[in-house]
Amino acid sequence: MEDLKEKTVDLADHVEDLATTFYQLTIVNLTKKATNLISGALVMFAMCLLVLFVLLFAGFALAWWLADVFNNTAVGFLLTAGLFLLILLLIVLLRKETIFPFVRNLIIRKLYD
């Protein structure tokens, strides 16, 4: 009978150790996922900011080039604005079939990495 009590106490200690280890492992996994998600978001923000600057300066360059081609500054800037408006329209039209699923899958992939 004494042996049974000792085994029960040992088993209870092992279960407690197992639960503590499982809790700590869960915290480590959640921390890893959170840091991956945050670092990915920061990198994506930096990339978007750089793309914004590239598009801004490319747009100005295109506008000035078109202004030289047509000998009219207003026409160059209006054609460039029209091009960007066309790109924006394509993005709006394709957002549900292409853009949203891409972003959603990117976030899900980051969560399960």
PDB file of N, CA and C in Angstrom:
ATOM      1  N   MET A   1       0.823  -1.188   0.000  1.00  0.00           N
ATOM      2  CA  MET A   1       0.000   0.000   0.000  1.00  0.00           C
ATOM      3  C   MET A   1       0.872   1.258   0.000  1.00  0.00           C
ATOM      4  N   GLU A   2       1.945   1.245   0.748  1.00  0.00           N
ATOM      5  CA  GLU A   2       2.872   2.373   0.817  1.00  0.00           C
ATOM      6  C   GLU A   2       3.518   2.611  -0.555  1.00  0.00           C
ATOM      7  N   ASP A   3       3.808   1.525  -1.267  1.00  0.00           N
ATOM      8  CA  ASP A   3       4.402   1.613  -2.589  1.00  0.00           C
ATOM      9  C   ASP A   3       3.445   2.298  -3.582  1.00  0.00           C
ATOM     10  N   LEU A   4       2.166   2.002  -3.456  1.00  0.00           N
ATOM     11  CA  LEU A   4       1.150   2.608  -4.309  1.00  0.00           C
ATOM     12  C   LEU A   4       1.051   4.114  -4.065  1.00  0.00           C
ATOM     13  N   LYS A   5       1.123   4.525  -2.784  1.00  0.00           N
ATOM     14  CA  LYS A   5       1.071   5.949  -2.455  1.00  0.00           C
ATOM     15  C   LYS A   5       2.297   6.674  -3.031  1.00  0.00           C
ATOM     16  N   GLU A   6       3.440   6.022  -2.924  1.00  0.00           N
ATOM     17  CA  GLU A   6       4.666   6.630  -3.442  1.00  0.00           C
ATOM     18  C   GLU A   6       4.607   6.770  -4.960  1.00  0.00           C
ATOM     19  N   LYS A   7       4.081   5.774  -5.659  1.00  0.00           N
ATOM     20  CA  LYS A   7       3.945   5.835  -7.106  1.00  0.00           C
ATOM     21  C   LYS A   7       2.929   6.903  -7.511  1.00  0.00           C
ATOM     22  N   THR A   8       1.886   7.055  -6.737  1.00  0.00           N
ATOM     23  CA  THR A   8       0.874   8.077  -7.026  1.00  0.00           C
ATOM     24  C   THR A   8       1.462   9.471  -6.878  1.00  0.00           C
ATOM     25  N   VAL A   9       2.263   9.671  -5.821  1.00  0.00           N
ATOM     26  CA  VAL A   9       2.907  10.967  -5.623  1.00  0.00           C
ATOM     27  C   VAL A   9       3.892  11.242  -6.754  1.00  0.00           C
ATOM     28  N   ASP A  10       4.663  10.229  -7.151  1.00  0.00           N
ATOM     29  CA  ASP A  10       5.598  10.385  -8.268  1.00  0.00           C
ATOM     30  C   ASP A  10       4.855  10.722  -9.569  1.00  0.00           C
ATOM     31  N   LEU A  11       3.747  10.022  -9.787  1.00  0.00           N
ATOM     32  CA  LEU A  11       2.955  10.281 -10.987  1.00  0.00           C
ATOM     33  C   LEU A  11       2.401  11.706 -10.980  1.00  0.00           C
ATOM     34  N   ALA A  12       1.931  12.166  -9.851  1.00  0.00           N
ATOM     35  CA  ALA A  12       1.412  13.532  -9.733  1.00  0.00           C
ATOM     36  C   ALA A  12       2.529  14.549 -10.002  1.00  0.00           C
ATOM     37  N   ASP A  13       3.722  14.276  -9.488  1.00  0.00           N
ATOM     38  CA  ASP A  13       4.858  15.174  -9.746  1.00  0.00           C
ATOM     39  C   ASP A  13       5.193  15.215 -11.238  1.00  0.00           C
ATOM     40  N   HIS A  14       5.171  14.060 -11.888  1.00  0.00           N
ATOM     41  CA  HIS A  14       5.474  13.994 -13.318  1.00  0.00           C
ATOM     42  C   HIS A  14       4.413  14.720 -14.146  1.00  0.00           C
ATOM     43  N   VAL A  15       3.165  14.572 -13.770  1.00  0.00           N
ATOM     44  CA  VAL A  15       2.085  15.256 -14.484  1.00  0.00           C
ATOM     45  C   VAL A  15       2.244  16.768 -14.320  1.00  0.00           C
ATOM     46  N   GLU A  16       2.586  17.214 -13.134  1.00  0.00           N
ATOM     47  CA  GLU A  16       2.798  18.643 -12.895  1.00  0.00           C
ATOM     48  C   GLU A  16       3.973  19.164 -13.715  1.00  0.00           C
ATOM     49  N   ASP A  17       5.067  18.383 -13.751  1.00  0.00           N
ATOM     50  CA  ASP A  17       6.222  18.770 -14.568  1.00  0.00           C
ATOM     51  C   ASP A  17       5.858  18.814 -16.049  1.00  0.00           C
ATOM     52  N   LEU A  18       5.082  17.839 -16.497  1.00  0.00           N
ATOM     53  CA  LEU A  18       4.651  17.787 -17.889  1.00  0.00           C
ATOM     54  C   LEU A  18       3.780  19.000 -18.230  1.00  0.00           C
ATOM     55  N   ALA A  19       2.858  19.344 -17.345  1.00  0.00           N
ATOM     56  CA  ALA A  19       1.995  20.505 -17.578  1.00  0.00           C
ATOM     57  C   ALA A  19       2.814  21.794 -17.610  1.00  0.00           C
ATOM     58  N   THR A  20       3.770  21.933 -16.723  1.00  0.00           N
ATOM     59  CA  THR A  20       4.617  23.125 -16.701  1.00  0.00           C
ATOM     60  C   THR A  20       5.444  23.221 -17.973  1.00  0.00           C
ATOM     61  N   THR A  21       6.015  22.116 -18.403  1.00  0.00           N
ATOM     62  CA  THR A  21       6.808  22.090 -19.627  1.00  0.00           C
ATOM     63  C   THR A  21       5.945  22.418 -20.842  1.00  0.00           C
ATOM     64  N   PHE A  22       4.737  21.863 -20.886  1.00  0.00           N
ATOM     65  CA  PHE A  22       3.825  22.149 -21.991  1.00  0.00           C
ATOM     66  C   PHE A  22       3.455  23.628 -22.019  1.00  0.00           C
ATOM     67  N   TYR A  23       3.201  24.222 -20.866  1.00  0.00           N
ATOM     68  CA  TYR A  23       2.883  25.646 -20.770  1.00  0.00           C
ATOM     69  C   TYR A  23       4.056  26.490 -21.264  1.00  0.00           C
ATOM     70  N   GLN A  24       5.260  26.166 -20.829  1.00  0.00           N
ATOM     71  CA  GLN A  24       6.436  26.921 -21.245  1.00  0.00           C
ATOM     72  C   GLN A  24       6.675  26.786 -22.753  1.00  0.00           C
ATOM     73  N   LEU A  25       6.477  25.586 -23.287  1.00  0.00           N
ATOM     74  CA  LEU A  25       6.633  25.356 -24.719  1.00  0.00           C
ATOM     75  C   LEU A  25       5.601  26.157 -25.512  1.00  0.00           C
ATOM     76  N   THR A  26       4.391  26.222 -25.016  1.00  0.00           N
ATOM     77  CA  THR A  26       3.346  27.003 -25.671  1.00  0.00           C
ATOM     78  C   THR A  26       3.709  28.486 -25.684  1.00  0.00           C
ATOM     79  N   ILE A  27       4.225  28.991 -24.577  1.00  0.00           N
ATOM     80  CA  ILE A  27       4.645  30.393 -24.506  1.00  0.00           C
ATOM     81  C   ILE A  27       5.775  30.661 -25.499  1.00  0.00           C
ATOM     82  N   VAL A  28       6.729  29.765 -25.582  1.00  0.00           N
ATOM     83  CA  VAL A  28       7.843  29.933 -26.520  1.00  0.00           C
ATOM     84  C   VAL A  28       7.339  29.922 -27.962  1.00  0.00           C
ATOM     85  N   ASN A  29       6.438  29.007 -28.286  1.00  0.00           N
ATOM     86  CA  ASN A  29       5.897  28.939 -29.650  1.00  0.00           C
ATOM     87  C   ASN A  29       5.098  30.190 -29.996  1.00  0.00           C
ATOM     88  N   LEU A  30       4.286  30.680 -29.062  1.00  0.00           N
ATOM     89  CA  LEU A  30       3.519  31.904 -29.305  1.00  0.00           C
ATOM     90  C   LEU A  30       4.437  33.108 -29.480  1.00  0.00           C
ATOM     91  N   THR A  31       5.481  33.170 -28.681  1.00  0.00           N
ATOM     92  CA  THR A  31       6.442  34.263 -28.803  1.00  0.00           C
ATOM     93  C   THR A  31       7.133  34.221 -30.158  1.00  0.00           C
ATOM     94  N   LYS A  32       7.505  33.034 -30.591  1.00  0.00           N
ATOM     95  CA  LYS A  32       8.153  32.879 -31.887  1.00  0.00           C
ATOM     96  C   LYS A  32       7.224  33.322 -33.012  1.00  0.00           C
ATOM     97  N   LYS A  33       5.963  32.896 -32.960  1.00  0.00           N
ATOM     98  CA  LYS A  33       5.007  33.281 -33.998  1.00  0.00           C
ATOM     99  C   LYS A  33       4.761  34.782 -33.992  1.00  0.00           C
ATOM    100  N   ALA A  34       4.652  35.369 -32.811  1.00  0.00           N
ATOM    101  CA  ALA A  34       4.413  36.810 -32.716  1.00  0.00           C
ATOM    102  C   ALA A  34       5.595  37.600 -33.257  1.00  0.00           C
ATOM    103  N   THR A  35       6.801  37.183 -32.913  1.00  0.00           N
ATOM    104  CA  THR A  35       7.975  37.904 -33.419  1.00  0.00           C
ATOM    105  C   THR A  35       8.110  37.742 -34.929  1.00  0.00           C
ATOM    106  N   ASN A  36       7.796  36.561 -35.451  1.00  0.00           N
ATOM    107  CA  ASN A  36       7.826  36.362 -36.906  1.00  0.00           C
ATOM    108  C   ASN A  36       6.808  37.263 -37.595  1.00  0.00           C
ATOM    109  N   LEU A  37       5.619  37.346 -37.026  1.00  0.00           N
ATOM    110  CA  LEU A  37       4.572  38.163 -37.617  1.00  0.00           C
ATOM    111  C   LEU A  37       4.936  39.640 -37.556  1.00  0.00           C
ATOM    112  N   ILE A  38       5.432  40.096 -36.427  1.00  0.00           N
ATOM    113  CA  ILE A  38       5.789  41.517 -36.275  1.00  0.00           C
ATOM    114  C   ILE A  38       6.974  41.879 -37.165  1.00  0.00           C
ATOM    115  N   SER A  39       7.988  41.020 -37.199  1.00  0.00           N
ATOM    116  CA  SER A  39       9.141  41.322 -38.046  1.00  0.00           C
ATOM    117  C   SER A  39       8.751  41.314 -39.517  1.00  0.00           C
ATOM    118  N   GLY A  40       7.878  40.393 -39.900  1.00  0.00           N
ATOM    119  CA  GLY A  40       7.393  40.367 -41.278  1.00  0.00           C
ATOM    120  C   GLY A  40       6.607  41.623 -41.617  1.00  0.00           C
ATOM    121  N   ALA A  41       5.795  42.090 -40.669  1.00  0.00           N
ATOM    122  CA  ALA A  41       5.016  43.313 -40.889  1.00  0.00           C
ATOM    123  C   ALA A  41       5.938  44.527 -41.014  1.00  0.00           C
ATOM    124  N   LEU A  42       6.976  44.582 -40.191  1.00  0.00           N
ATOM    125  CA  LEU A  42       7.915  45.706 -40.272  1.00  0.00           C
ATOM    126  C   LEU A  42       8.676  45.705 -41.592  1.00  0.00           C
ATOM    127  N   VAL A  43       9.098  44.543 -42.032  1.00  0.00           N
ATOM    128  CA  VAL A  43       9.804  44.442 -43.314  1.00  0.00           C
ATOM    129  C   VAL A  43       8.859  44.827 -44.455  1.00  0.00           C
ATOM    130  N   MET A  44       7.608  44.367 -44.370  1.00  0.00           N
ATOM    131  CA  MET A  44       6.639  44.699 -45.403  1.00  0.00           C
ATOM    132  C   MET A  44       6.365  46.205 -45.425  1.00  0.00           C
ATOM    133  N   PHE A  45       6.296  46.830 -44.264  1.00  0.00           N
ATOM    134  CA  PHE A  45       6.094  48.282 -44.183  1.00  0.00           C
ATOM    135  C   PHE A  45       7.266  49.020 -44.824  1.00  0.00           C
ATOM    136  N   ALA A  46       8.481  48.594 -44.513  1.00  0.00           N
ATOM    137  CA  ALA A  46       9.665  49.235 -45.088  1.00  0.00           C
ATOM    138  C   ALA A  46       9.690  49.058 -46.604  1.00  0.00           C
ATOM    139  N   MET A  47       9.334  47.869 -47.081  1.00  0.00           N
ATOM    140  CA  MET A  47       9.308  47.630 -48.520  1.00  0.00           C
ATOM    141  C   MET A  47       8.245  48.490 -49.199  1.00  0.00           C
ATOM    142  N   CYS A  48       7.083  48.607 -48.580  1.00  0.00           N
ATOM    143  CA  CYS A  48       6.018  49.435 -49.151  1.00  0.00           C
ATOM    144  C   CYS A  48       6.441  50.901 -49.206  1.00  0.00           C
ATOM    145  N   LEU A  49       7.126  51.354 -48.177  1.00  0.00           N
ATOM    146  CA  LEU A  49       7.603  52.731 -48.162  1.00  0.00           C
ATOM    147  C   LEU A  49       8.623  52.966 -49.282  1.00  0.00           C
ATOM    148  N   LEU A  50       9.529  52.020 -49.468  1.00  0.00           N
ATOM    149  CA  LEU A  50      10.512  52.148 -50.551  1.00  0.00           C
ATOM    150  C   LEU A  50       9.844  52.096 -51.926  1.00  0.00           C
ATOM    151  N   VAL A  51       8.859  51.221 -52.078  1.00  0.00           N
ATOM    152  CA  VAL A  51       8.126  51.147 -53.345  1.00  0.00           C
ATOM    153  C   VAL A  51       7.393  52.462 -53.603  1.00  0.00           C
ATOM    154  N   LEU A  52       6.850  53.059 -52.549  1.00  0.00           N
ATOM    155  CA  LEU A  52       6.177  54.350 -52.692  1.00  0.00           C
ATOM    156  C   LEU A  52       7.136  55.410 -53.220  1.00  0.00           C
ATOM    157  N   PHE A  53       8.339  55.465 -52.662  1.00  0.00           N
ATOM    158  CA  PHE A  53       9.322  56.440 -53.135  1.00  0.00           C
ATOM    159  C   PHE A  53       9.762  56.149 -54.566  1.00  0.00           C
ATOM    160  N   VAL A  54       9.956  54.885 -54.892  1.00  0.00           N
ATOM    161  CA  VAL A  54      10.334  54.522 -56.258  1.00  0.00           C
ATOM    162  C   VAL A  54       9.250  54.953 -57.235  1.00  0.00           C
ATOM    163  N   LEU A  55       7.992  54.653 -56.898  1.00  0.00           N
ATOM    164  CA  LEU A  55       6.895  55.052 -57.784  1.00  0.00           C
ATOM    165  C   LEU A  55       6.776  56.569 -57.878  1.00  0.00           C
ATOM    166  N   LEU A  56       6.995  57.258 -56.772  1.00  0.00           N
ATOM    167  CA  LEU A  56       6.920  58.719 -56.779  1.00  0.00           C
ATOM    168  C   LEU A  56       7.954  59.317 -57.735  1.00  0.00           C
ATOM    169  N   PHE A  57       9.201  58.893 -57.577  1.00  0.00           N
ATOM    170  CA  PHE A  57      10.255  59.448 -58.421  1.00  0.00           C
ATOM    171  C   PHE A  57      10.146  58.958 -59.864  1.00  0.00           C
ATOM    172  N   ALA A  58       9.725  57.722 -60.056  1.00  0.00           N
ATOM    173  CA  ALA A  58       9.508  57.238 -61.425  1.00  0.00           C
ATOM    174  C   ALA A  58       8.359  58.005 -62.083  1.00  0.00           C
ATOM    175  N   GLY A  59       7.341  58.312 -61.309  1.00  0.00           N
ATOM    176  CA  GLY A  59       6.226  59.098 -61.839  1.00  0.00           C
ATOM    177  C   GLY A  59       6.665  60.495 -62.239  1.00  0.00           C
ATOM    178  N   PHE A  60       7.470  61.141 -61.389  1.00  0.00           N
ATOM    179  CA  PHE A  60       7.987  62.461 -61.751  1.00  0.00           C
ATOM    180  C   PHE A  60       8.868  62.392 -63.001  1.00  0.00           C
ATOM    181  N   ALA A  61       9.714  61.382 -63.066  1.00  0.00           N
ATOM    182  CA  ALA A  61      10.595  61.237 -64.234  1.00  0.00           C
ATOM    183  C   ALA A  61       9.774  61.016 -65.504  1.00  0.00           C
ATOM    184  N   LEU A  62       8.769  60.149 -65.409  1.00  0.00           N
ATOM    185  CA  LEU A  62       7.907  59.897 -66.572  1.00  0.00           C
ATOM    186  C   LEU A  62       7.161  61.163 -66.969  1.00  0.00           C
ATOM    187  N   ALA A  63       6.657  61.892 -65.995  1.00  0.00           N
ATOM    188  CA  ALA A  63       5.921  63.126 -66.287  1.00  0.00           C
ATOM    189  C   ALA A  63       6.818  64.146 -66.978  1.00  0.00           C
ATOM    190  N   TRP A  64       8.022  64.329 -66.489  1.00  0.00           N
ATOM    191  CA  TRP A  64       8.927  65.300 -67.115  1.00  0.00           C
ATOM    192  C   TRP A  64       9.355  64.844 -68.507  1.00  0.00           C
ATOM    193  N   TRP A  65       9.564  63.540 -68.673  1.00  0.00           N
ATOM    194  CA  TRP A  65       9.931  63.019 -69.989  1.00  0.00           C
ATOM    195  C   TRP A  65       8.795  63.223 -70.987  1.00  0.00           C
ATOM    196  N   LEU A  66       7.563  62.884 -70.562  1.00  0.00           N
ATOM    197  CA  LEU A  66       6.411  63.102 -71.443  1.00  0.00           C
ATOM    198  C   LEU A  66       6.202  64.585 -71.721  1.00  0.00           C
ATOM    199  N   ALA A  67       6.500  65.427 -70.738  1.00  0.00           N
ATOM    200  CA  ALA A  67       6.396  66.875 -70.944  1.00  0.00           C
ATOM    201  C   ALA A  67       7.378  67.327 -72.020  1.00  0.00           C
ATOM    202  N   ASP A  68       8.564  66.758 -72.022  1.00  0.00           N
ATOM    203  CA  ASP A  68       9.546  67.096 -73.066  1.00  0.00           C
ATOM    204  C   ASP A  68       9.104  66.571 -74.429  1.00  0.00           C
ATOM    205  N   VAL A  69       8.531  65.359 -74.445  1.00  0.00           N
ATOM    206  CA  VAL A  69       8.088  64.767 -75.707  1.00  0.00           C
ATOM    207  C   VAL A  69       6.965  65.598 -76.333  1.00  0.00           C
ATOM    208  N   PHE A  70       6.001  66.027 -75.527  1.00  0.00           N
ATOM    209  CA  PHE A  70       4.848  66.767 -76.041  1.00  0.00           C
ATOM    210  C   PHE A  70       5.025  68.290 -75.969  1.00  0.00           C
ATOM    211  N   ASN A  71       6.156  68.738 -75.475  1.00  0.00           N
ATOM    212  CA  ASN A  71       6.428  70.166 -75.309  1.00  0.00           C
ATOM    213  C   ASN A  71       5.340  70.870 -74.489  1.00  0.00           C
ATOM    214  N   ASN A  72       4.802  70.140 -73.512  1.00  0.00           N
ATOM    215  CA  ASN A  72       3.748  70.704 -72.669  1.00  0.00           C
ATOM    216  C   ASN A  72       3.814  70.013 -71.303  1.00  0.00           C
ATOM    217  N   THR A  73       4.139  70.753 -70.281  1.00  0.00           N
ATOM    218  CA  THR A  73       4.292  70.176 -68.941  1.00  0.00           C
ATOM    219  C   THR A  73       2.987  69.587 -68.428  1.00  0.00           C
ATOM    220  N   ALA A  74       1.892  70.284 -68.656  1.00  0.00           N
ATOM    221  CA  ALA A  74       0.600  69.805 -68.153  1.00  0.00           C
ATOM    222  C   ALA A  74       0.220  68.468 -68.770  1.00  0.00           C
ATOM    223  N   VAL A  75       0.455  68.301 -70.059  1.00  0.00           N
ATOM    224  CA  VAL A  75       0.132  67.038 -70.734  1.00  0.00           C
ATOM    225  C   VAL A  75       0.967  65.901 -70.158  1.00  0.00           C
ATOM    226  N   GLY A  76       2.241  66.141 -69.903  1.00  0.00           N
ATOM    227  CA  GLY A  76       3.096  65.105 -69.328  1.00  0.00           C
ATOM    228  C   GLY A  76       2.597  64.639 -67.961  1.00  0.00           C
ATOM    229  N   PHE A  77       2.240  65.595 -67.120  1.00  0.00           N
ATOM    230  CA  PHE A  77       1.754  65.219 -65.790  1.00  0.00           C
ATOM    231  C   PHE A  77       0.367  64.586 -65.853  1.00  0.00           C
ATOM    232  N   LEU A  78      -0.494  65.060 -66.761  1.00  0.00           N
ATOM    233  CA  LEU A  78      -1.829  64.456 -66.885  1.00  0.00           C
ATOM    234  C   LEU A  78      -1.759  63.027 -67.418  1.00  0.00           C
ATOM    235  N   LEU A  79      -0.878  62.785 -68.377  1.00  0.00           N
ATOM    236  CA  LEU A  79      -0.724  61.413 -68.886  1.00  0.00           C
ATOM    237  C   LEU A  79      -0.177  60.479 -67.805  1.00  0.00           C
ATOM    238  N   THR A  80       0.763  60.987 -67.020  1.00  0.00           N
ATOM    239  CA  THR A  80       1.308  60.179 -65.915  1.00  0.00           C
ATOM    240  C   THR A  80       0.226  59.903 -64.877  1.00  0.00           C
ATOM    241  N   ALA A  81      -0.566  60.909 -64.547  1.00  0.00           N
ATOM    242  CA  ALA A  81      -1.664  60.705 -63.600  1.00  0.00           C
ATOM    243  C   ALA A  81      -2.673  59.711 -64.152  1.00  0.00           C
ATOM    244  N   GLY A  82      -2.937  59.790 -65.463  1.00  0.00           N
ATOM    245  CA  GLY A  82      -3.847  58.829 -66.095  1.00  0.00           C
ATOM    246  C   GLY A  82      -3.316  57.410 -66.020  1.00  0.00           C
ATOM    247  N   LEU A  83      -2.020  57.248 -66.212  1.00  0.00           N
ATOM    248  CA  LEU A  83      -1.412  55.914 -66.093  1.00  0.00           C
ATOM    249  C   LEU A  83      -1.565  55.370 -64.681  1.00  0.00           C
ATOM    250  N   PHE A  84      -1.283  56.220 -63.683  1.00  0.00           N
ATOM    251  CA  PHE A  84      -1.441  55.767 -62.298  1.00  0.00           C
ATOM    252  C   PHE A  84      -2.902  55.498 -61.961  1.00  0.00           C
ATOM    253  N   LEU A  85      -3.816  56.254 -62.534  1.00  0.00           N
ATOM    254  CA  LEU A  85      -5.241  56.015 -62.327  1.00  0.00           C
ATOM    255  C   LEU A  85      -5.654  54.677 -62.932  1.00  0.00           C
ATOM    256  N   LEU A  86      -5.106  54.354 -64.103  1.00  0.00           N
ATOM    257  CA  LEU A  86      -5.381  53.061 -64.735  1.00  0.00           C
ATOM    258  C   LEU A  86      -4.854  51.909 -63.876  1.00  0.00           C
ATOM    259  N   ILE A  87      -3.662  52.060 -63.347  1.00  0.00           N
ATOM    260  CA  ILE A  87      -3.089  51.029 -62.457  1.00  0.00           C
ATOM    261  C   ILE A  87      -3.953  50.881 -61.209  1.00  0.00           C
ATOM    262  N   LEU A  88      -4.404  52.003 -60.642  1.00  0.00           N
ATOM    263  CA  LEU A  88      -5.282  51.958 -59.466  1.00  0.00           C
ATOM    264  C   LEU A  88      -6.592  51.260 -59.789  1.00  0.00           C
ATOM    265  N   LEU A  89      -7.154  51.532 -60.953  1.00  0.00           N
ATOM    266  CA  LEU A  89      -8.390  50.881 -61.363  1.00  0.00           C
ATOM    267  C   LEU A  89      -8.194  49.371 -61.494  1.00  0.00           C
ATOM    268  N   LEU A  90      -7.070  48.948 -62.059  1.00  0.00           N
ATOM    269  CA  LEU A  90      -6.771  47.510 -62.162  1.00  0.00           C
ATOM    270  C   LEU A  90      -6.656  46.869 -60.778  1.00  0.00           C
ATOM    271  N   ILE A  91      -6.010  47.567 -59.863  1.00  0.00           N
ATOM    272  CA  ILE A  91      -5.876  47.041 -58.498  1.00  0.00           C
ATOM    273  C   ILE A  91      -7.240  46.905 -57.844  1.00  0.00           C
ATOM    274  N   VAL A  92      -8.092  47.906 -58.010  1.00  0.00           N
ATOM    275  CA  VAL A  92      -9.431  47.855 -57.411  1.00  0.00           C
ATOM    276  C   VAL A  92     -10.243  46.719 -58.012  1.00  0.00           C
ATOM    277  N   LEU A  93     -10.142  46.522 -59.325  1.00  0.00           N
ATOM    278  CA  LEU A  93     -10.910  45.460 -59.969  1.00  0.00           C
ATOM    279  C   LEU A  93     -10.397  44.063 -59.614  1.00  0.00           C
ATOM    280  N   LEU A  94      -9.107  43.930 -59.384  1.00  0.00           N
ATOM    281  CA  LEU A  94      -8.522  42.615 -59.105  1.00  0.00           C
ATOM    282  C   LEU A  94      -8.358  42.315 -57.616  1.00  0.00           C
ATOM    283  N   ARG A  95      -8.800  43.206 -56.752  1.00  0.00           N
ATOM    284  CA  ARG A  95      -8.518  43.042 -55.328  1.00  0.00           C
ATOM    285  C   ARG A  95      -9.168  41.798 -54.739  1.00  0.00           C
ATOM    286  N   LYS A  96     -10.384  41.452 -55.123  1.00  0.00           N
ATOM    287  CA  LYS A  96     -11.064  40.310 -54.512  1.00  0.00           C
ATOM    288  C   LYS A  96     -10.544  38.980 -55.016  1.00  0.00           C
ATOM    289  N   GLU A  97     -10.196  38.899 -56.305  1.00  0.00           N
ATOM    290  CA  GLU A  97      -9.732  37.616 -56.860  1.00  0.00           C
ATOM    291  C   GLU A  97      -8.246  37.377 -56.658  1.00  0.00           C
ATOM    292  N   THR A  98      -7.473  38.456 -56.619  1.00  0.00           N
ATOM    293  CA  THR A  98      -6.025  38.287 -56.629  1.00  0.00           C
ATOM    294  C   THR A  98      -5.345  38.848 -55.392  1.00  0.00           C
ATOM    295  N   ILE A  99      -5.614  40.082 -55.068  1.00  0.00           N
ATOM    296  CA  ILE A  99      -4.835  40.771 -54.036  1.00  0.00           C
ATOM    297  C   ILE A  99      -5.203  40.286 -52.639  1.00  0.00           C
ATOM    298  N   PHE A 100      -6.502  40.255 -52.305  1.00  0.00           N
ATOM    299  CA  PHE A 100      -6.905  39.810 -50.972  1.00  0.00           C
ATOM    300  C   PHE A 100      -6.464  38.375 -50.678  1.00  0.00           C
ATOM    301  N   PRO A 101      -6.677  37.406 -51.616  1.00  0.00           N
ATOM    302  CA  PRO A 101      -6.185  36.048 -51.326  1.00  0.00           C
ATOM    303  C   PRO A 101      -4.665  35.985 -51.146  1.00  0.00           C
ATOM    304  N   PHE A 102      -3.934  36.785 -51.935  1.00  0.00           N
ATOM    305  CA  PHE A 102      -2.479  36.795 -51.796  1.00  0.00           C
ATOM    306  C   PHE A 102      -2.065  37.283 -50.414  1.00  0.00           C
ATOM    307  N   VAL A 103      -2.648  38.389 -49.971  1.00  0.00           N
ATOM    308  CA  VAL A 103      -2.310  38.943 -48.654  1.00  0.00           C
ATOM    309  C   VAL A 103      -2.746  37.986 -47.543  1.00  0.00           C
ATOM    310  N   ARG A 104      -3.938  37.415 -47.673  1.00  0.00           N
ATOM    311  CA  ARG A 104      -4.438  36.473 -46.667  1.00  0.00           C
ATOM    312  C   ARG A 104      -3.512  35.254 -46.559  1.00  0.00           C
ATOM    313  N   ASN A 105      -3.123  34.693 -47.699  1.00  0.00           N
ATOM    314  CA  ASN A 105      -2.236  33.529 -47.686  1.00  0.00           C
ATOM    315  C   ASN A 105      -0.862  33.883 -47.127  1.00  0.00           C
ATOM    316  N   LEU A 106      -0.394  35.088 -47.403  1.00  0.00           N
ATOM    317  CA  LEU A 106       0.894  35.533 -46.855  1.00  0.00           C
ATOM    318  C   LEU A 106       0.832  35.602 -45.333  1.00  0.00           C
ATOM    319  N   ILE A 107      -0.247  36.151 -44.796  1.00  0.00           N
ATOM    320  CA  ILE A 107      -0.395  36.250 -43.342  1.00  0.00           C
ATOM    321  C   ILE A 107      -0.506  34.867 -42.724  1.00  0.00           C
ATOM    322  N   ILE A 108      -1.288  33.985 -43.336  1.00  0.00           N
ATOM    323  CA  ILE A 108      -1.453  32.623 -42.800  1.00  0.00           C
ATOM    324  C   ILE A 108      -0.129  31.876 -42.830  1.00  0.00           C
ATOM    325  N   ARG A 109       0.632  32.033 -43.929  1.00  0.00           N
ATOM    326  CA  ARG A 109       1.943  31.381 -44.012  1.00  0.00           C
ATOM    327  C   ARG A 109       2.863  31.881 -42.906  1.00  0.00           C
ATOM    328  N   LYS A 110       2.827  33.191 -42.628  1.00  0.00           N
ATOM    329  CA  LYS A 110       3.662  33.745 -41.566  1.00  0.00           C
ATOM    330  C   LYS A 110       3.251  33.211 -40.201  1.00  0.00           C
ATOM    331  N   LEU A 111       1.951  33.025 -40.000  1.00  0.00           N
ATOM    332  CA  LEU A 111       1.484  32.513 -38.706  1.00  0.00           C
ATOM    333  C   LEU A 111       1.911  31.072 -38.472  1.00  0.00           C
ATOM    334  N   TYR A 112       1.945  30.261 -39.530  1.00  0.00           N
ATOM    335  CA  TYR A 112       2.250  28.838 -39.351  1.00  0.00           C
ATOM    336  C   TYR A 112       3.691  28.482 -39.662  1.00  0.00           C
ATOM    337  N   ASP A 113       4.554  29.456 -39.862  1.00  0.00           N
ATOM    338  CA  ASP A 113       5.996  29.190 -40.048  1.00  0.00           C
ATOM    339  C   ASP A 113       6.651  28.810 -38.757  1.00  0.00           C
TER     340      ASP A 113
END
